[in-house]
Amino acid sequence: MNTGEPYRLIISGGGTGGHIFPAVAIANTFRERHPDAQILFVGAKGKMEMTRVPEAGYKIVGLWISGLQRKLTLSNLMFPVKVITSLVRARSIVKQFKPHVVIGTGGYASSPVMMAATRLGIPA
């Protein structure tokens, strides 16, 4: 896989510490083994990962995505728009960054990124 260029890795996950902290641990281990690796995180705007990941020393970009509420809300009415917007944005992020592999650790942002990678033939 190594063609002399640095490895590029996208990690997507967040919403809770159960998704974020394993993602950071994966990034840290990968960085130990490949110090010149380029690692990009993708998370959900406004969620915990948007502060925790930069605190760990990694760049993160956010998608406009969230889950469904248990009652009828404006957020639920916007859900289809958020999903479509996130799928388009995730595809753009993956195409621009050109990762060798994409890892998802769960959370709302993982699905659009993993789908984009799979559709573009990138191991996920």
PDB file of N, CA and C in Angstrom:
ATOM      1  N   MET A   1       0.817  -1.190   0.000  1.00  0.00           N
ATOM      2  CA  MET A   1       0.000   0.000   0.000  1.00  0.00           C
ATOM      3  C   MET A   1       0.864   1.259   0.000  1.00  0.00           C
ATOM      4  N   ASN A   2       2.010   1.238   0.626  1.00  0.00           N
ATOM      5  CA  ASN A   2       2.823   2.441   0.715  1.00  0.00           C
ATOM      6  C   ASN A   2       3.584   2.654  -0.585  1.00  0.00           C
ATOM      7  N   THR A   3       3.320   3.788  -1.212  1.00  0.00           N
ATOM      8  CA  THR A   3       3.983   4.137  -2.468  1.00  0.00           C
ATOM      9  C   THR A   3       5.007   5.238  -2.242  1.00  0.00           C
ATOM     10  N   GLY A   4       5.480   5.372  -1.015  1.00  0.00           N
ATOM     11  CA  GLY A   4       6.432   6.413  -0.689  1.00  0.00           C
ATOM     12  C   GLY A   4       5.776   7.684  -0.179  1.00  0.00           C
ATOM     13  N   GLU A   5       4.491   7.830  -0.405  1.00  0.00           N
ATOM     14  CA  GLU A   5       3.765   8.993   0.098  1.00  0.00           C
ATOM     15  C   GLU A   5       3.216   8.676   1.489  1.00  0.00           C
ATOM     16  N   PRO A   6       2.937   9.698   2.300  1.00  0.00           N
ATOM     17  CA  PRO A   6       2.381   9.444   3.629  1.00  0.00           C
ATOM     18  C   PRO A   6       0.994   8.809   3.540  1.00  0.00           C
ATOM     19  N   TYR A   7       0.701   7.944   4.479  1.00  0.00           N
ATOM     20  CA  TYR A   7      -0.641   7.366   4.570  1.00  0.00           C
ATOM     21  C   TYR A   7      -1.636   8.466   4.890  1.00  0.00           C
ATOM     22  N   ARG A   8      -2.825   8.362   4.322  1.00  0.00           N
ATOM     23  CA  ARG A   8      -3.921   9.279   4.624  1.00  0.00           C
ATOM     24  C   ARG A   8      -5.069   8.459   5.177  1.00  0.00           C
ATOM     25  N   LEU A   9      -5.563   8.883   6.333  1.00  0.00           N
ATOM     26  CA  LEU A   9      -6.588   8.146   7.064  1.00  0.00           C
ATOM     27  C   LEU A   9      -7.690   9.100   7.478  1.00  0.00           C
ATOM     28  N   ILE A  10      -8.946   8.731   7.205  1.00  0.00           N
ATOM     29  CA  ILE A  10     -10.098   9.465   7.732  1.00  0.00           C
ATOM     30  C   ILE A  10     -10.716   8.601   8.817  1.00  0.00           C
ATOM     31  N   ILE A  11     -10.996   9.233   9.946  1.00  0.00           N
ATOM     32  CA  ILE A  11     -11.695   8.565  11.043  1.00  0.00           C
ATOM     33  C   ILE A  11     -12.961   9.358  11.312  1.00  0.00           C
ATOM     34  N   SER A  12     -14.089   8.674  11.329  1.00  0.00           N
ATOM     35  CA  SER A  12     -15.356   9.339  11.570  1.00  0.00           C
ATOM     36  C   SER A  12     -16.071   8.672  12.736  1.00  0.00           C
ATOM     37  N   GLY A  13     -16.484   9.478  13.670  1.00  0.00           N
ATOM     38  CA  GLY A  13     -17.231   8.965  14.805  1.00  0.00           C
ATOM     39  C   GLY A  13     -17.404  10.039  15.835  1.00  0.00           C
ATOM     40  N   GLY A  14     -18.453   9.921  16.606  1.00  0.00           N
ATOM     41  CA  GLY A  14     -18.636  10.921  17.641  1.00  0.00           C
ATOM     42  C   GLY A  14     -20.022  10.905  18.227  1.00  0.00           C
ATOM     43  N   GLY A  15     -20.295  11.968  18.946  1.00  0.00           N
ATOM     44  CA  GLY A  15     -21.568  12.099  19.638  1.00  0.00           C
ATOM     45  C   GLY A  15     -21.412  11.817  21.113  1.00  0.00           C
ATOM     46  N   THR A  16     -20.663  10.757  21.416  1.00  0.00           N
ATOM     47  CA  THR A  16     -20.405  10.392  22.815  1.00  0.00           C
ATOM     48  C   THR A  16     -18.941   9.985  22.956  1.00  0.00           C
ATOM     49  N   GLY A  17     -18.483   9.950  24.188  1.00  0.00           N
ATOM     50  CA  GLY A  17     -17.125   9.508  24.461  1.00  0.00           C
ATOM     51  C   GLY A  17     -16.879   8.077  24.012  1.00  0.00           C
ATOM     52  N   GLY A  18     -17.926   7.270  23.984  1.00  0.00           N
ATOM     53  CA  GLY A  18     -17.800   5.881  23.555  1.00  0.00           C
ATOM     54  C   GLY A  18     -17.425   5.743  22.093  1.00  0.00           C
ATOM     55  N   HIS A  19     -17.661   6.794  21.312  1.00  0.00           N
ATOM     56  CA  HIS A  19     -17.254   6.808  19.905  1.00  0.00           C
ATOM     57  C   HIS A  19     -15.963   7.606  19.721  1.00  0.00           C
ATOM     58  N   ILE A  20     -15.839   8.695  20.472  1.00  0.00           N
ATOM     59  CA  ILE A  20     -14.712   9.617  20.276  1.00  0.00           C
ATOM     60  C   ILE A  20     -13.395   9.058  20.803  1.00  0.00           C
ATOM     61  N   PHE A  21     -13.385   8.587  22.030  1.00  0.00           N
ATOM     62  CA  PHE A  21     -12.126   8.164  22.641  1.00  0.00           C
ATOM     63  C   PHE A  21     -11.502   6.951  21.951  1.00  0.00           C
ATOM     64  N   PRO A  22     -12.271   5.956  21.505  1.00  0.00           N
ATOM     65  CA  PRO A  22     -11.653   4.893  20.698  1.00  0.00           C
ATOM     66  C   PRO A  22     -11.111   5.418  19.366  1.00  0.00           C
ATOM     67  N   ALA A  23     -11.801   6.389  18.763  1.00  0.00           N
ATOM     68  CA  ALA A  23     -11.324   6.964  17.505  1.00  0.00           C
ATOM     69  C   ALA A  23      -9.976   7.658  17.699  1.00  0.00           C
ATOM     70  N   VAL A  24      -9.853   8.411  18.784  1.00  0.00           N
ATOM     71  CA  VAL A  24      -8.591   9.095  19.082  1.00  0.00           C
ATOM     72  C   VAL A  24      -7.497   8.067  19.377  1.00  0.00           C
ATOM     73  N   ALA A  25      -7.848   6.985  20.073  1.00  0.00           N
ATOM     74  CA  ALA A  25      -6.860   5.934  20.369  1.00  0.00           C
ATOM     75  C   ALA A  25      -6.361   5.287  19.074  1.00  0.00           C
ATOM     76  N   ILE A  26      -7.251   5.060  18.131  1.00  0.00           N
ATOM     77  CA  ILE A  26      -6.855   4.510  16.830  1.00  0.00           C
ATOM     78  C   ILE A  26      -5.900   5.476  16.140  1.00  0.00           C
ATOM     79  N   ALA A  27      -6.252   6.763  16.142  1.00  0.00           N
ATOM     80  CA  ALA A  27      -5.398   7.773  15.501  1.00  0.00           C
ATOM     81  C   ALA A  27      -4.030   7.836  16.161  1.00  0.00           C
ATOM     82  N   ASN A  28      -4.006   7.807  17.482  1.00  0.00           N
ATOM     83  CA  ASN A  28      -2.730   7.869  18.203  1.00  0.00           C
ATOM     84  C   ASN A  28      -1.842   6.677  17.865  1.00  0.00           C
ATOM     85  N   THR A  29      -2.416   5.489  17.831  1.00  0.00           N
ATOM     86  CA  THR A  29      -1.651   4.283  17.506  1.00  0.00           C
ATOM     87  C   THR A  29      -1.154   4.324  16.068  1.00  0.00           C
ATOM     88  N   PHE A  30      -2.017   4.759  15.164  1.00  0.00           N
ATOM     89  CA  PHE A  30      -1.615   4.867  13.758  1.00  0.00           C
ATOM     90  C   PHE A  30      -0.481   5.876  13.609  1.00  0.00           C
ATOM     91  N   ARG A  31      -0.595   6.985  14.309  1.00  0.00           N
ATOM     92  CA  ARG A  31       0.438   8.037  14.239  1.00  0.00           C
ATOM     93  C   ARG A  31       1.762   7.537  14.819  1.00  0.00           C
ATOM     94  N   GLU A  32       1.709   6.696  15.879  1.00  0.00           N
ATOM     95  CA  GLU A  32       2.938   6.118  16.437  1.00  0.00           C
ATOM     96  C   GLU A  32       3.652   5.258  15.399  1.00  0.00           C
ATOM     97  N   ARG A  33       2.883   4.494  14.652  1.00  0.00           N
ATOM     98  CA  ARG A  33       3.459   3.588  13.650  1.00  0.00           C
ATOM     99  C   ARG A  33       3.836   4.297  12.362  1.00  0.00           C
ATOM    100  N   HIS A  34       3.120   5.380  12.063  1.00  0.00           N
ATOM    101  CA  HIS A  34       3.339   6.134  10.822  1.00  0.00           C
ATOM    102  C   HIS A  34       3.351   7.625  11.171  1.00  0.00           C
ATOM    103  N   PRO A  35       4.479   8.132  11.689  1.00  0.00           N
ATOM    104  CA  PRO A  35       4.535   9.522  12.168  1.00  0.00           C
ATOM    105  C   PRO A  35       4.201  10.569  11.114  1.00  0.00           C
ATOM    106  N   ASP A  36       4.417  10.246   9.845  1.00  0.00           N
ATOM    107  CA  ASP A  36       4.138  11.229   8.795  1.00  0.00           C
ATOM    108  C   ASP A  36       2.716  11.112   8.234  1.00  0.00           C
ATOM    109  N   ALA A  37       1.888  10.249   8.830  1.00  0.00           N
ATOM    110  CA  ALA A  37       0.526  10.038   8.341  1.00  0.00           C
ATOM    111  C   ALA A  37      -0.304  11.315   8.441  1.00  0.00           C
ATOM    112  N   GLN A  38      -1.183  11.468   7.478  1.00  0.00           N
ATOM    113  CA  GLN A  38      -2.156  12.561   7.502  1.00  0.00           C
ATOM    114  C   GLN A  38      -3.475  11.972   7.985  1.00  0.00           C
ATOM    115  N   ILE A  39      -3.969  12.490   9.099  1.00  0.00           N
ATOM    116  CA  ILE A  39      -5.190  11.956   9.707  1.00  0.00           C
ATOM    117  C   ILE A  39      -6.223  13.072   9.782  1.00  0.00           C
ATOM    118  N   LEU A  40      -7.403  12.787   9.263  1.00  0.00           N
ATOM    119  CA  LEU A  40      -8.512  13.737   9.295  1.00  0.00           C
ATOM    120  C   LEU A  40      -9.701  13.079   9.979  1.00  0.00           C
ATOM    121  N   PHE A  41     -10.295  13.774  10.913  1.00  0.00           N
ATOM    122  CA  PHE A  41     -11.524  13.318  11.558  1.00  0.00           C
ATOM    123  C   PHE A  41     -12.714  14.006  10.914  1.00  0.00           C
ATOM    124  N   VAL A  42     -13.834  13.292  10.843  1.00  0.00           N
ATOM    125  CA  VAL A  42     -15.094  13.869  10.400  1.00  0.00           C
ATOM    126  C   VAL A  42     -16.114  13.565  11.483  1.00  0.00           C
ATOM    127  N   GLY A  43     -16.784  14.612  11.968  1.00  0.00           N
ATOM    128  CA  GLY A  43     -17.769  14.462  13.027  1.00  0.00           C
ATOM    129  C   GLY A  43     -19.043  15.219  12.717  1.00  0.00           C
ATOM    130  N   ALA A  44     -19.898  15.322  13.714  1.00  0.00           N
ATOM    131  CA  ALA A  44     -21.157  16.049  13.582  1.00  0.00           C
ATOM    132  C   ALA A  44     -20.997  17.441  14.189  1.00  0.00           C
ATOM    133  N   LYS A  45     -21.361  18.453  13.428  1.00  0.00           N
ATOM    134  CA  LYS A  45     -21.263  19.833  13.917  1.00  0.00           C
ATOM    135  C   LYS A  45     -22.032  19.975  15.231  1.00  0.00           C
ATOM    136  N   GLY A  46     -21.409  20.682  16.166  1.00  0.00           N
ATOM    137  CA  GLY A  46     -22.069  20.962  17.435  1.00  0.00           C
ATOM    138  C   GLY A  46     -21.988  19.848  18.453  1.00  0.00           C
ATOM    139  N   LYS A  47     -21.349  18.756  18.134  1.00  0.00           N
ATOM    140  CA  LYS A  47     -21.241  17.628  19.059  1.00  0.00           C
ATOM    141  C   LYS A  47     -19.886  17.636  19.747  1.00  0.00           C
ATOM    142  N   MET A  48     -19.760  16.793  20.732  1.00  0.00           N
ATOM    143  CA  MET A  48     -18.595  16.711  21.601  1.00  0.00           C
ATOM    144  C   MET A  48     -17.273  16.550  20.845  1.00  0.00           C
ATOM    145  N   GLU A  49     -17.293  15.825  19.742  1.00  0.00           N
ATOM    146  CA  GLU A  49     -16.056  15.558  19.004  1.00  0.00           C
ATOM    147  C   GLU A  49     -15.437  16.834  18.427  1.00  0.00           C
ATOM    148  N   MET A  50     -16.254  17.857  18.212  1.00  0.00           N
ATOM    149  CA  MET A  50     -15.743  19.086  17.616  1.00  0.00           C
ATOM    150  C   MET A  50     -14.791  19.834  18.556  1.00  0.00           C
ATOM    151  N   THR A  51     -14.821  19.514  19.846  1.00  0.00           N
ATOM    152  CA  THR A  51     -13.835  20.082  20.786  1.00  0.00           C
ATOM    153  C   THR A  51     -12.823  19.038  21.235  1.00  0.00           C
ATOM    154  N   ARG A  52     -13.263  17.809  21.466  1.00  0.00           N
ATOM    155  CA  ARG A  52     -12.362  16.769  21.981  1.00  0.00           C
ATOM    156  C   ARG A  52     -11.274  16.364  20.990  1.00  0.00           C
ATOM    157  N   VAL A  53     -11.615  16.266  19.734  1.00  0.00           N
ATOM    158  CA  VAL A  53     -10.630  15.845  18.727  1.00  0.00           C
ATOM    159  C   VAL A  53      -9.527  16.893  18.556  1.00  0.00           C
ATOM    160  N   PRO A  54      -9.852  18.184  18.395  1.00  0.00           N
ATOM    161  CA  PRO A  54      -8.768  19.176  18.331  1.00  0.00           C
ATOM    162  C   PRO A  54      -7.922  19.224  19.612  1.00  0.00           C
ATOM    163  N   GLU A  55      -8.549  18.985  20.764  1.00  0.00           N
ATOM    164  CA  GLU A  55      -7.788  18.929  22.012  1.00  0.00           C
ATOM    165  C   GLU A  55      -6.750  17.806  21.982  1.00  0.00           C
ATOM    166  N   ALA A  56      -7.061  16.747  21.227  1.00  0.00           N
ATOM    167  CA  ALA A  56      -6.138  15.619  21.096  1.00  0.00           C
ATOM    168  C   ALA A  56      -5.089  15.877  20.011  1.00  0.00           C
ATOM    169  N   GLY A  57      -5.198  17.010  19.314  1.00  0.00           N
ATOM    170  CA  GLY A  57      -4.196  17.378  18.333  1.00  0.00           C
ATOM    171  C   GLY A  57      -4.508  17.015  16.898  1.00  0.00           C
ATOM    172  N   TYR A  58      -5.765  16.752  16.599  1.00  0.00           N
ATOM    173  CA  TYR A  58      -6.138  16.352  15.240  1.00  0.00           C
ATOM    174  C   TYR A  58      -7.117  17.342  14.624  1.00  0.00           C
ATOM    175  N   LYS A  59      -7.069  17.426  13.308  1.00  0.00           N
ATOM    176  CA  LYS A  59      -7.995  18.271  12.558  1.00  0.00           C
ATOM    177  C   LYS A  59      -9.318  17.531  12.409  1.00  0.00           C
ATOM    178  N   ILE A  60     -10.424  18.292  12.498  1.00  0.00           N
ATOM    179  CA  ILE A  60     -11.750  17.700  12.313  1.00  0.00           C
ATOM    180  C   ILE A  60     -12.606  18.635  11.473  1.00  0.00           C
ATOM    181  N   VAL A  61     -13.417  18.042  10.627  1.00  0.00           N
ATOM    182  CA  VAL A  61     -14.425  18.792   9.878  1.00  0.00           C
ATOM    183  C   VAL A  61     -15.784  18.243  10.285  1.00  0.00           C
ATOM    184  N   GLY A  62     -16.787  19.109  10.249  1.00  0.00           N
ATOM    185  CA  GLY A  62     -18.107  18.715  10.719  1.00  0.00           C
ATOM    186  C   GLY A  62     -19.134  18.578   9.617  1.00  0.00           C
ATOM    187  N   LEU A  63     -20.022  17.630   9.805  1.00  0.00           N
ATOM    188  CA  LEU A  63     -21.176  17.449   8.930  1.00  0.00           C
ATOM    189  C   LEU A  63     -22.418  17.951   9.659  1.00  0.00           C
ATOM    190  N   TRP A  64     -23.369  18.441   8.900  1.00  0.00           N
ATOM    191  CA  TRP A  64     -24.646  18.890   9.455  1.00  0.00           C
ATOM    192  C   TRP A  64     -25.573  17.677   9.521  1.00  0.00           C
ATOM    193  N   ILE A  65     -25.460  16.922  10.608  1.00  0.00           N
ATOM    194  CA  ILE A  65     -26.209  15.670  10.749  1.00  0.00           C
ATOM    195  C   ILE A  65     -26.633  15.499  12.193  1.00  0.00           C
ATOM    196  N   SER A  66     -27.757  14.846  12.387  1.00  0.00           N
ATOM    197  CA  SER A  66     -28.238  14.529  13.730  1.00  0.00           C
ATOM    198  C   SER A  66     -29.201  13.360  13.615  1.00  0.00           C
ATOM    199  N   GLY A  67     -29.625  12.874  14.757  1.00  0.00           N
ATOM    200  CA  GLY A  67     -30.571  11.767  14.769  1.00  0.00           C
ATOM    201  C   GLY A  67     -32.000  12.271  14.796  1.00  0.00           C
ATOM    202  N   LEU A  68     -32.918  11.347  14.815  1.00  0.00           N
ATOM    203  CA  LEU A  68     -34.331  11.679  14.905  1.00  0.00           C
ATOM    204  C   LEU A  68     -34.746  11.835  16.364  1.00  0.00           C
ATOM    205  N   GLN A  69     -35.626  12.789  16.609  1.00  0.00           N
ATOM    206  CA  GLN A  69     -36.197  12.970  17.940  1.00  0.00           C
ATOM    207  C   GLN A  69     -37.424  12.055  18.066  1.00  0.00           C
ATOM    208  N   ARG A  70     -37.871  11.823  19.279  1.00  0.00           N
ATOM    209  CA  ARG A  70     -39.010  10.925  19.495  1.00  0.00           C
ATOM    210  C   ARG A  70     -40.360  11.589  19.263  1.00  0.00           C
ATOM    211  N   LYS A  71     -40.347  12.873  18.954  1.00  0.00           N
ATOM    212  CA  LYS A  71     -41.600  13.576  18.672  1.00  0.00           C
ATOM    213  C   LYS A  71     -41.417  14.438  17.428  1.00  0.00           C
ATOM    214  N   LEU A  72     -42.514  14.947  16.912  1.00  0.00           N
ATOM    215  CA  LEU A  72     -42.465  15.783  15.727  1.00  0.00           C
ATOM    216  C   LEU A  72     -41.836  17.129  16.087  1.00  0.00           C
ATOM    217  N   THR A  73     -40.709  17.408  15.454  1.00  0.00           N
ATOM    218  CA  THR A  73     -40.000  18.670  15.685  1.00  0.00           C
ATOM    219  C   THR A  73     -39.516  19.212  14.355  1.00  0.00           C
ATOM    220  N   LEU A  74     -39.115  20.478  14.346  1.00  0.00           N
ATOM    221  CA  LEU A  74     -38.531  21.054  13.144  1.00  0.00           C
ATOM    222  C   LEU A  74     -37.277  20.281  12.747  1.00  0.00           C
ATOM    223  N   SER A  75     -36.502  19.858  13.756  1.00  0.00           N
ATOM    224  CA  SER A  75     -35.289  19.090  13.481  1.00  0.00           C
ATOM    225  C   SER A  75     -35.621  17.800  12.728  1.00  0.00           C
ATOM    226  N   ASN A  76     -36.708  17.131  13.107  1.00  0.00           N
ATOM    227  CA  ASN A  76     -37.105  15.906  12.400  1.00  0.00           C
ATOM    228  C   ASN A  76     -37.536  16.199  10.964  1.00  0.00           C
ATOM    229  N   LEU A  77     -38.202  17.336  10.768  1.00  0.00           N
ATOM    230  CA  LEU A  77     -38.601  17.700   9.416  1.00  0.00           C
ATOM    231  C   LEU A  77     -37.385  18.006   8.543  1.00  0.00           C
ATOM    232  N   MET A  78     -36.313  18.477   9.166  1.00  0.00           N
ATOM    233  CA  MET A  78     -35.080  18.790   8.451  1.00  0.00           C
ATOM    234  C   MET A  78     -34.191  17.559   8.245  1.00  0.00           C
ATOM    235  N   PHE A  79     -34.536  16.451   8.892  1.00  0.00           N
ATOM    236  CA  PHE A  79     -33.694  15.260   8.846  1.00  0.00           C
ATOM    237  C   PHE A  79     -33.334  14.821   7.424  1.00  0.00           C
ATOM    238  N   PRO A  80     -34.297  14.702   6.499  1.00  0.00           N
ATOM    239  CA  PRO A  80     -33.920  14.279   5.137  1.00  0.00           C
ATOM    240  C   PRO A  80     -32.942  15.252   4.470  1.00  0.00           C
ATOM    241  N   VAL A  81     -33.108  16.541   4.709  1.00  0.00           N
ATOM    242  CA  VAL A  81     -32.207  17.542   4.143  1.00  0.00           C
ATOM    243  C   VAL A  81     -30.808  17.376   4.735  1.00  0.00           C
ATOM    244  N   LYS A  82     -30.757  17.149   6.055  1.00  0.00           N
ATOM    245  CA  LYS A  82     -29.470  16.952   6.726  1.00  0.00           C
ATOM    246  C   LYS A  82     -28.746  15.721   6.177  1.00  0.00           C
ATOM    247  N   VAL A  83     -29.476  14.647   5.982  1.00  0.00           N
ATOM    248  CA  VAL A  83     -28.867  13.413   5.470  1.00  0.00           C
ATOM    249  C   VAL A  83     -28.307  13.631   4.065  1.00  0.00           C
ATOM    250  N   ILE A  84     -29.101  14.220   3.187  1.00  0.00           N
ATOM    251  CA  ILE A  84     -28.650  14.452   1.812  1.00  0.00           C
ATOM    252  C   ILE A  84     -27.455  15.399   1.794  1.00  0.00           C
ATOM    253  N   THR A  85     -27.538  16.476   2.571  1.00  0.00           N
ATOM    254  CA  THR A  85     -26.438  17.430   2.649  1.00  0.00           C
ATOM    255  C   THR A  85     -25.167  16.758   3.166  1.00  0.00           C
ATOM    256  N   SER A  86     -25.308  15.929   4.190  1.00  0.00           N
ATOM    257  CA  SER A  86     -24.154  15.240   4.771  1.00  0.00           C
ATOM    258  C   SER A  86     -23.560  14.230   3.812  1.00  0.00           C
ATOM    259  N   LEU A  87     -24.391  13.530   3.060  1.00  0.00           N
ATOM    260  CA  LEU A  87     -23.878  12.577   2.077  1.00  0.00           C
ATOM    261  C   LEU A  87     -23.065  13.287   0.995  1.00  0.00           C
ATOM    262  N   VAL A  88     -23.564  14.411   0.520  1.00  0.00           N
ATOM    263  CA  VAL A  88     -22.849  15.178  -0.503  1.00  0.00           C
ATOM    264  C   VAL A  88     -21.543  15.721   0.069  1.00  0.00           C
ATOM    265  N   ARG A  89     -21.599  16.282   1.264  1.00  0.00           N
ATOM    266  CA  ARG A  89     -20.402  16.852   1.903  1.00  0.00           C
ATOM    267  C   ARG A  89     -19.379  15.757   2.195  1.00  0.00           C
ATOM    268  N   ALA A  90     -19.833  14.608   2.695  1.00  0.00           N
ATOM    269  CA  ALA A  90     -18.920  13.503   3.005  1.00  0.00           C
ATOM    270  C   ALA A  90     -18.214  13.029   1.732  1.00  0.00           C
ATOM    271  N   ARG A  91     -18.942  12.919   0.658  1.00  0.00           N
ATOM    272  CA  ARG A  91     -18.332  12.510  -0.617  1.00  0.00           C
ATOM    273  C   ARG A  91     -17.260  13.513  -1.041  1.00  0.00           C
ATOM    274  N   SER A  92     -17.556  14.781  -0.884  1.00  0.00           N
ATOM    275  CA  SER A  92     -16.597  15.825  -1.231  1.00  0.00           C
ATOM    276  C   SER A  92     -15.341  15.739  -0.365  1.00  0.00           C
ATOM    277  N   ILE A  93     -15.527  15.532   0.923  1.00  0.00           N
ATOM    278  CA  ILE A  93     -14.394  15.413   1.853  1.00  0.00           C
ATOM    279  C   ILE A  93     -13.517  14.226   1.470  1.00  0.00           C
ATOM    280  N   VAL A  94     -14.143  13.086   1.219  1.00  0.00           N
ATOM    281  CA  VAL A  94     -13.388  11.872   0.876  1.00  0.00           C
ATOM    282  C   VAL A  94     -12.659  12.058  -0.452  1.00  0.00           C
ATOM    283  N   LYS A  95     -13.327  12.628  -1.441  1.00  0.00           N
ATOM    284  CA  LYS A  95     -12.677  12.833  -2.746  1.00  0.00           C
ATOM    285  C   LYS A  95     -11.505  13.802  -2.650  1.00  0.00           C
ATOM    286  N   GLN A  96     -11.645  14.858  -1.854  1.00  0.00           N
ATOM    287  CA  GLN A  96     -10.562  15.848  -1.731  1.00  0.00           C
ATOM    288  C   GLN A  96      -9.386  15.315  -0.924  1.00  0.00           C
ATOM    289  N   PHE A  97      -9.662  14.618   0.179  1.00  0.00           N
ATOM    290  CA  PHE A  97      -8.596  14.141   1.066  1.00  0.00           C
ATOM    291  C   PHE A  97      -7.882  12.915   0.495  1.00  0.00           C
ATOM    292  N   LYS A  98      -8.601  12.117  -0.290  1.00  0.00           N
ATOM    293  CA  LYS A  98      -8.055  10.917  -0.923  1.00  0.00           C
ATOM    294  C   LYS A  98      -7.403   9.959   0.087  1.00  0.00           C
ATOM    295  N   PRO A  99      -8.189   9.487   1.055  1.00  0.00           N
ATOM    296  CA  PRO A  99      -7.616   8.593   2.066  1.00  0.00           C
ATOM    297  C   PRO A  99      -7.305   7.211   1.495  1.00  0.00           C
ATOM    298  N   HIS A 100      -6.358   6.543   2.129  1.00  0.00           N
ATOM    299  CA  HIS A 100      -6.083   5.152   1.789  1.00  0.00           C
ATOM    300  C   HIS A 100      -7.124   4.241   2.427  1.00  0.00           C
ATOM    301  N   VAL A 101      -7.645   4.673   3.565  1.00  0.00           N
ATOM    302  CA  VAL A 101      -8.656   3.901   4.287  1.00  0.00           C
ATOM    303  C   VAL A 101      -9.493   4.851   5.131  1.00  0.00           C
ATOM    304  N   VAL A 102     -10.740   4.443   5.387  1.00  0.00           N
ATOM    305  CA  VAL A 102     -11.659   5.217   6.226  1.00  0.00           C
ATOM    306  C   VAL A 102     -12.148   4.300   7.343  1.00  0.00           C
ATOM    307  N   ILE A 103     -12.142   4.831   8.565  1.00  0.00           N
ATOM    308  CA  ILE A 103     -12.586   4.070   9.741  1.00  0.00           C
ATOM    309  C   ILE A 103     -13.757   4.800  10.372  1.00  0.00           C
ATOM    310  N   GLY A 104     -14.817   4.076  10.687  1.00  0.00           N
ATOM    311  CA  GLY A 104     -15.967   4.636  11.394  1.00  0.00           C
ATOM    312  C   GLY A 104     -16.087   3.993  12.761  1.00  0.00           C
ATOM    313  N   THR A 105     -16.247   4.825  13.783  1.00  0.00           N
ATOM    314  CA  THR A 105     -16.386   4.296  15.145  1.00  0.00           C
ATOM    315  C   THR A 105     -17.792   4.493  15.694  1.00  0.00           C
ATOM    316  N   GLY A 106     -18.712   4.901  14.845  1.00  0.00           N
ATOM    317  CA  GLY A 106     -20.096   5.064  15.273  1.00  0.00           C
ATOM    318  C   GLY A 106     -20.466   6.524  15.462  1.00  0.00           C
ATOM    319  N   GLY A 107     -21.735   6.756  15.598  1.00  0.00           N
ATOM    320  CA  GLY A 107     -22.241   8.117  15.701  1.00  0.00           C
ATOM    321  C   GLY A 107     -22.859   8.537  14.382  1.00  0.00           C
ATOM    322  N   TYR A 108     -23.595   9.644  14.418  1.00  0.00           N
ATOM    323  CA  TYR A 108     -24.345  10.089  13.241  1.00  0.00           C
ATOM    324  C   TYR A 108     -23.472  10.395  12.032  1.00  0.00           C
ATOM    325  N   ALA A 109     -22.296  10.936  12.245  1.00  0.00           N
ATOM    326  CA  ALA A 109     -21.449  11.329  11.120  1.00  0.00           C
ATOM    327  C   ALA A 109     -20.779  10.145  10.424  1.00  0.00           C
ATOM    328  N   SER A 110     -20.696   9.017  11.096  1.00  0.00           N
ATOM    329  CA  SER A 110     -19.996   7.867  10.505  1.00  0.00           C
ATOM    330  C   SER A 110     -20.669   7.339   9.249  1.00  0.00           C
ATOM    331  N   SER A 111     -21.962   7.268   9.251  1.00  0.00           N
ATOM    332  CA  SER A 111     -22.671   6.652   8.135  1.00  0.00           C
ATOM    333  C   SER A 111     -22.426   7.359   6.801  1.00  0.00           C
ATOM    334  N   PRO A 112     -22.602   8.669   6.706  1.00  0.00           N
ATOM    335  CA  PRO A 112     -22.351   9.302   5.405  1.00  0.00           C
ATOM    336  C   PRO A 112     -20.907   9.138   4.928  1.00  0.00           C
ATOM    337  N   VAL A 113     -19.963   9.180   5.857  1.00  0.00           N
ATOM    338  CA  VAL A 113     -18.548   9.056   5.476  1.00  0.00           C
ATOM    339  C   VAL A 113     -18.248   7.639   5.012  1.00  0.00           C
ATOM    340  N   MET A 114     -18.744   6.653   5.724  1.00  0.00           N
ATOM    341  CA  MET A 114     -18.511   5.262   5.343  1.00  0.00           C
ATOM    342  C   MET A 114     -19.185   4.945   4.003  1.00  0.00           C
ATOM    343  N   MET A 115     -20.392   5.490   3.802  1.00  0.00           N
ATOM    344  CA  MET A 115     -21.066   5.268   2.527  1.00  0.00           C
ATOM    345  C   MET A 115     -20.299   5.903   1.373  1.00  0.00           C
ATOM    346  N   ALA A 116     -19.800   7.113   1.591  1.00  0.00           N
ATOM    347  CA  ALA A 116     -19.027   7.789   0.548  1.00  0.00           C
ATOM    348  C   ALA A 116     -17.783   6.999   0.199  1.00  0.00           C
ATOM    349  N   ALA A 117     -17.065   6.548   1.220  1.00  0.00           N
ATOM    350  CA  ALA A 117     -15.840   5.784   0.982  1.00  0.00           C
ATOM    351  C   ALA A 117     -16.141   4.499   0.205  1.00  0.00           C
ATOM    352  N   THR A 118     -17.155   3.794   0.626  1.00  0.00           N
ATOM    353  CA  THR A 118     -17.520   2.538  -0.030  1.00  0.00           C
ATOM    354  C   THR A 118     -17.876   2.773  -1.495  1.00  0.00           C
ATOM    355  N   ARG A 119     -18.664   3.797  -1.737  1.00  0.00           N
ATOM    356  CA  ARG A 119     -19.068   4.098  -3.122  1.00  0.00           C
ATOM    357  C   ARG A 119     -17.892   4.529  -3.994  1.00  0.00           C
ATOM    358  N   LEU A 120     -16.863   5.097  -3.371  1.00  0.00           N
ATOM    359  CA  LEU A 120     -15.684   5.523  -4.111  1.00  0.00           C
ATOM    360  C   LEU A 120     -14.602   4.455  -4.177  1.00  0.00           C
ATOM    361  N   GLY A 121     -14.906   3.262  -3.635  1.00  0.00           N
ATOM    362  CA  GLY A 121     -13.974   2.149  -3.702  1.00  0.00           C
ATOM    363  C   GLY A 121     -12.817   2.226  -2.714  1.00  0.00           C
ATOM    364  N   ILE A 122     -12.991   2.999  -1.660  1.00  0.00           N
ATOM    365  CA  ILE A 122     -11.959   3.133  -0.642  1.00  0.00           C
ATOM    366  C   ILE A 122     -12.267   2.158   0.487  1.00  0.00           C
ATOM    367  N   PRO A 123     -11.278   1.381   0.923  1.00  0.00           N
ATOM    368  CA  PRO A 123     -11.522   0.431   2.015  1.00  0.00           C
ATOM    369  C   PRO A 123     -12.073   1.149   3.248  1.00  0.00           C
ATOM    370  N   ALA A 124     -13.122   0.569   3.796  1.00  0.00           N
ATOM    371  CA  ALA A 124     -13.772   1.157   4.968  1.00  0.00           C
ATOM    372  C   ALA A 124     -14.013   0.082   6.005  1.00  0.00           C
TER     373      ALA A 124
END
